[in-house]
């Protein structure tokens, strides 16, 4: 029913759990009382399944430690370290690092990315990335989603404030542009099976604009 996999990038462990349709009621013991209450607020079956799958993966790796959320919705586990959570089709990912904040994104490779690429590409990125490649555009979108989780704020313009430079196929540099400083992020952007994994490979650092 569930298949587990771990990918390690420097100090970051990315735990993946693959699943198909499964009876939620048989796995509700993985949820804390507050999480059962939260589950009851979701009406869409896929959203409910994702939520339960995330708690199954959490329980497998951390026991029943509660997943908490800060003021901008970033998850963490008290006393364990930094985590980030993402979903793709029939897979949930949980990134963990003891030493620094992590931003994880999983994205299925789908051609519909071409309908929205103009919204997240800067003019320089349009010139330097292969805008006709579905896989490359998914990588850009995924990497920016991971950067967004590291930005520490909302209301970010992806095409202007989250910028990317590709060193090679897997190693990228991301820059989060803030009003008075820029946050530099070394990233791994991987094609894995039928989806893309984006994760910061190191701790970010800030410098003045």
Protein backbone atom coordinates (compact mmCIF):
# COMPACT_ATOMS: atom_id res chain seq x y z
CA UNK A 1 0.00 0.00 0.00
CA UNK A 2 2.84 2.39 0.87
CA UNK A 3 6.38 2.48 -0.50
CA UNK A 4 9.09 4.56 1.15
CA UNK A 5 12.25 6.10 -0.27
CA UNK A 6 14.91 8.45 1.09
CA UNK A 7 17.08 10.86 -0.88
CA UNK A 8 19.90 12.64 0.95
CA UNK A 9 21.27 15.98 -0.25
CA UNK A 10 24.16 17.11 1.97
CA UNK A 11 22.59 17.55 5.44
CA UNK A 12 19.01 17.28 4.17
CA UNK A 13 17.04 14.03 4.14
CA UNK A 14 14.06 13.93 1.80
CA UNK A 15 11.64 11.21 2.88
CA UNK A 16 9.19 10.13 0.18
CA UNK A 17 6.10 7.98 0.61
CA UNK A 18 4.29 6.66 -2.48
CA UNK A 19 0.66 5.64 -2.19
CA UNK A 20 -2.43 4.82 -4.20
CA UNK A 21 -6.02 5.04 -3.01
CA UNK A 22 -6.25 3.75 0.55
CA UNK A 23 -9.02 3.57 3.18
CA UNK A 24 -8.53 6.62 5.39
CA UNK A 25 -10.37 5.14 8.36
CA UNK A 26 -7.73 2.41 8.71
CA UNK A 27 -4.99 5.00 9.24
CA UNK A 28 -6.63 7.62 11.44
CA UNK A 29 -4.62 6.34 14.42
CA UNK A 30 -1.68 8.24 12.90
CA UNK A 31 -3.48 11.54 13.54
CA UNK A 32 -3.52 13.52 16.77
CA UNK A 33 -6.88 14.81 18.08
CA UNK A 34 -6.22 18.28 16.67
CA UNK A 35 -5.35 16.73 13.32
CA UNK A 36 -8.57 14.75 13.25
CA UNK A 37 -10.42 18.03 13.76
CA UNK A 38 -8.47 19.61 10.91
CA UNK A 39 -9.16 16.64 8.64
CA UNK A 40 -12.89 17.13 9.20
CA UNK A 41 -12.66 20.59 7.61
CA UNK A 42 -11.51 19.16 4.26
CA UNK A 43 -14.22 18.07 1.85
CA UNK A 44 -12.19 17.11 -1.24
CA UNK A 45 -11.16 13.43 -1.16
CA UNK A 46 -7.69 14.10 -2.60
CA UNK A 47 -6.99 16.81 -0.01
CA UNK A 48 -8.09 14.46 2.79
CA UNK A 49 -5.89 11.67 1.42
CA UNK A 50 -2.87 13.99 1.14
CA UNK A 51 -3.36 15.17 4.71
CA UNK A 52 -3.57 11.65 6.11
CA UNK A 53 -0.64 10.47 3.96
CA UNK A 54 1.49 13.29 5.36
CA UNK A 55 0.69 12.22 8.93
CA UNK A 56 1.47 8.58 8.12
CA UNK A 57 4.88 9.66 6.84
CA UNK A 58 5.38 11.89 9.89
CA UNK A 59 4.54 9.05 12.25
CA UNK A 60 6.90 6.70 10.42
CA UNK A 61 9.83 9.10 10.81
CA UNK A 62 9.08 11.08 13.98
CA UNK A 63 6.38 9.22 15.91
CA UNK A 64 3.40 11.31 16.91
CA UNK A 65 5.24 14.61 17.30
CA UNK A 66 2.83 17.31 16.20
CA UNK A 67 3.46 19.21 12.97
CA UNK A 68 3.22 22.86 13.97
CA UNK A 69 2.98 25.91 11.70
CA UNK A 70 4.47 29.36 12.12
CA UNK A 71 2.77 32.67 11.31
CA UNK A 72 3.23 32.28 7.54
CA UNK A 73 2.22 28.62 7.45
CA UNK A 74 5.69 27.01 7.39
CA UNK A 75 5.71 23.62 9.19
CA UNK A 76 8.10 22.56 11.93
CA UNK A 77 8.39 19.88 14.64
CA UNK A 78 9.32 21.22 18.06
CA UNK A 79 12.73 19.99 19.23
CA UNK A 80 13.47 17.91 16.11
CA UNK A 81 14.70 20.40 13.55
CA UNK A 82 13.54 22.00 10.34
CA UNK A 83 11.05 20.35 8.00
CA UNK A 84 9.29 21.10 4.75
CA UNK A 85 6.38 19.23 3.21
CA UNK A 86 5.22 18.87 -0.39
CA UNK A 87 3.00 16.66 -2.54
CA UNK A 88 2.94 15.40 -6.09
CA UNK A 89 0.69 12.81 -7.71
CA UNK A 90 0.39 9.89 -5.25
CA UNK A 91 3.52 10.87 -3.36
CA UNK A 92 4.18 12.98 -0.30
CA UNK A 93 7.60 14.33 0.62
CA UNK A 94 8.98 15.47 3.96
CA UNK A 95 12.39 17.14 4.03
CA UNK A 96 14.27 17.25 7.33
CA UNK A 97 17.44 18.98 8.47
CA UNK A 98 18.79 19.50 11.98
CA UNK A 99 20.99 22.43 11.04
CA UNK A 100 19.15 24.83 8.73
CA UNK A 101 15.79 25.74 7.27
CA UNK A 102 14.63 23.71 4.27
CA UNK A 103 12.27 24.37 1.40
CA UNK A 104 10.98 21.33 -0.48
CA UNK A 105 8.79 21.17 -3.56
CA UNK A 106 7.55 18.21 -5.59
CA UNK A 107 5.94 18.89 -8.96
CA UNK A 108 4.50 16.47 -11.53
CA UNK A 109 5.80 17.04 -15.06
CA UNK A 110 2.77 18.42 -16.89
CA UNK A 111 2.47 20.46 -20.06
CA UNK A 112 -0.05 22.87 -18.54
CA UNK A 113 2.94 24.73 -17.08
CA UNK A 114 3.23 26.48 -20.46
CA UNK A 115 -0.08 28.25 -19.83
CA UNK A 116 1.33 30.07 -16.81
CA UNK A 117 5.08 30.32 -17.42
CA UNK A 118 4.80 33.99 -18.38
CA UNK A 119 3.69 34.69 -14.81
CA UNK A 120 6.79 33.30 -13.09
CA UNK A 121 9.66 33.86 -15.57
CA UNK A 122 11.77 37.01 -15.46
CA UNK A 123 12.95 38.52 -18.73
CA UNK A 124 16.46 37.17 -18.12
CA UNK A 125 15.08 33.69 -17.34
CA UNK A 126 13.11 33.73 -20.60
CA UNK A 127 16.39 34.23 -22.40
CA UNK A 128 18.49 31.71 -20.47
CA UNK A 129 16.11 28.79 -19.88
CA UNK A 130 14.57 26.52 -22.52
CA UNK A 131 11.03 27.92 -22.45
CA UNK A 132 9.83 25.25 -24.91
CA UNK A 133 10.86 22.38 -22.62
CA UNK A 134 8.08 21.17 -20.33
CA UNK A 135 10.56 19.54 -17.95
CA UNK A 136 12.71 22.68 -17.70
CA UNK A 137 9.71 24.92 -17.07
CA UNK A 138 8.50 22.54 -14.34
CA UNK A 139 11.98 22.70 -12.80
CA UNK A 140 11.87 26.50 -12.77
CA UNK A 141 8.39 26.54 -11.26
CA UNK A 142 9.32 23.90 -8.67
CA UNK A 143 12.54 25.66 -7.69
CA UNK A 144 10.66 28.92 -7.19
CA UNK A 145 8.06 27.15 -5.04
CA UNK A 146 10.91 25.85 -2.86
CA UNK A 147 12.40 29.36 -2.68
CA UNK A 148 9.02 30.75 -1.68
CA UNK A 149 9.02 28.45 1.35
CA UNK A 150 12.40 29.89 2.37
CA UNK A 151 11.47 33.51 1.80
CA UNK A 152 9.81 34.04 5.17
CA UNK A 153 7.07 36.24 3.77
CA UNK A 154 4.01 36.12 1.55
CA UNK A 155 2.85 38.26 -1.38
CA UNK A 156 5.96 37.56 -3.44
CA UNK A 157 6.11 38.26 -7.17
CA UNK A 158 7.69 35.12 -8.60
CA UNK A 159 8.95 36.78 -11.79
CA UNK A 160 10.69 39.64 -9.98
CA UNK A 161 11.55 38.51 -6.46
CA UNK A 162 12.43 34.82 -6.94
CA UNK A 163 15.22 34.52 -9.50
CA UNK A 164 17.16 31.49 -10.71
CA UNK A 165 20.47 30.70 -12.35
CA UNK A 166 21.27 27.17 -13.54
CA UNK A 167 24.85 25.98 -13.03
CA UNK A 168 24.15 22.53 -14.48
CA UNK A 169 21.17 20.20 -14.75
CA UNK A 170 20.94 19.56 -10.99
CA UNK A 171 22.77 22.47 -9.34
CA UNK A 172 21.05 25.85 -9.34
CA UNK A 173 21.37 29.16 -7.51
CA UNK A 174 18.26 30.92 -6.27
CA UNK A 175 17.95 34.53 -5.15
CA UNK A 176 15.11 35.83 -3.02
CA UNK A 177 14.91 39.58 -3.52
CA UNK A 178 13.77 41.44 -0.41
CA UNK A 179 13.48 45.24 -0.01
CA UNK A 180 16.89 45.70 1.63
CA UNK A 181 18.69 42.39 1.19
CA UNK A 182 18.95 39.38 -1.09
CA UNK A 183 18.80 35.82 0.18
CA UNK A 184 21.08 33.45 -1.78
CA UNK A 185 20.16 29.77 -1.89
CA UNK A 186 22.11 26.84 -3.32
CA UNK A 187 19.64 24.32 -4.68
CA UNK A 188 19.32 20.82 -6.06
CA UNK A 189 16.68 20.45 -8.77
CA UNK A 190 16.22 16.79 -9.67
CA UNK A 191 14.04 14.91 -12.12
CA UNK A 192 12.97 11.79 -10.24
CA UNK A 193 10.63 9.24 -11.82
CA UNK A 194 7.75 11.34 -13.21
CA UNK A 195 8.16 14.42 -11.02
CA UNK A 196 10.66 17.09 -10.05
CA UNK A 197 12.22 17.51 -6.59
CA UNK A 198 13.56 20.92 -5.58
CA UNK A 199 15.40 21.40 -2.28
CA UNK A 200 17.98 23.81 -0.91
CA UNK A 201 21.31 22.00 -0.65
CA UNK A 202 22.82 24.37 1.92
CA UNK A 203 21.78 26.96 4.45
CA UNK A 204 20.82 30.24 2.77
CA UNK A 205 22.68 33.44 3.49
CA UNK A 206 21.66 37.09 3.22
CA UNK A 207 23.60 40.02 1.82
CA UNK A 208 22.76 43.69 1.24
CA UNK A 209 21.26 44.65 -2.09
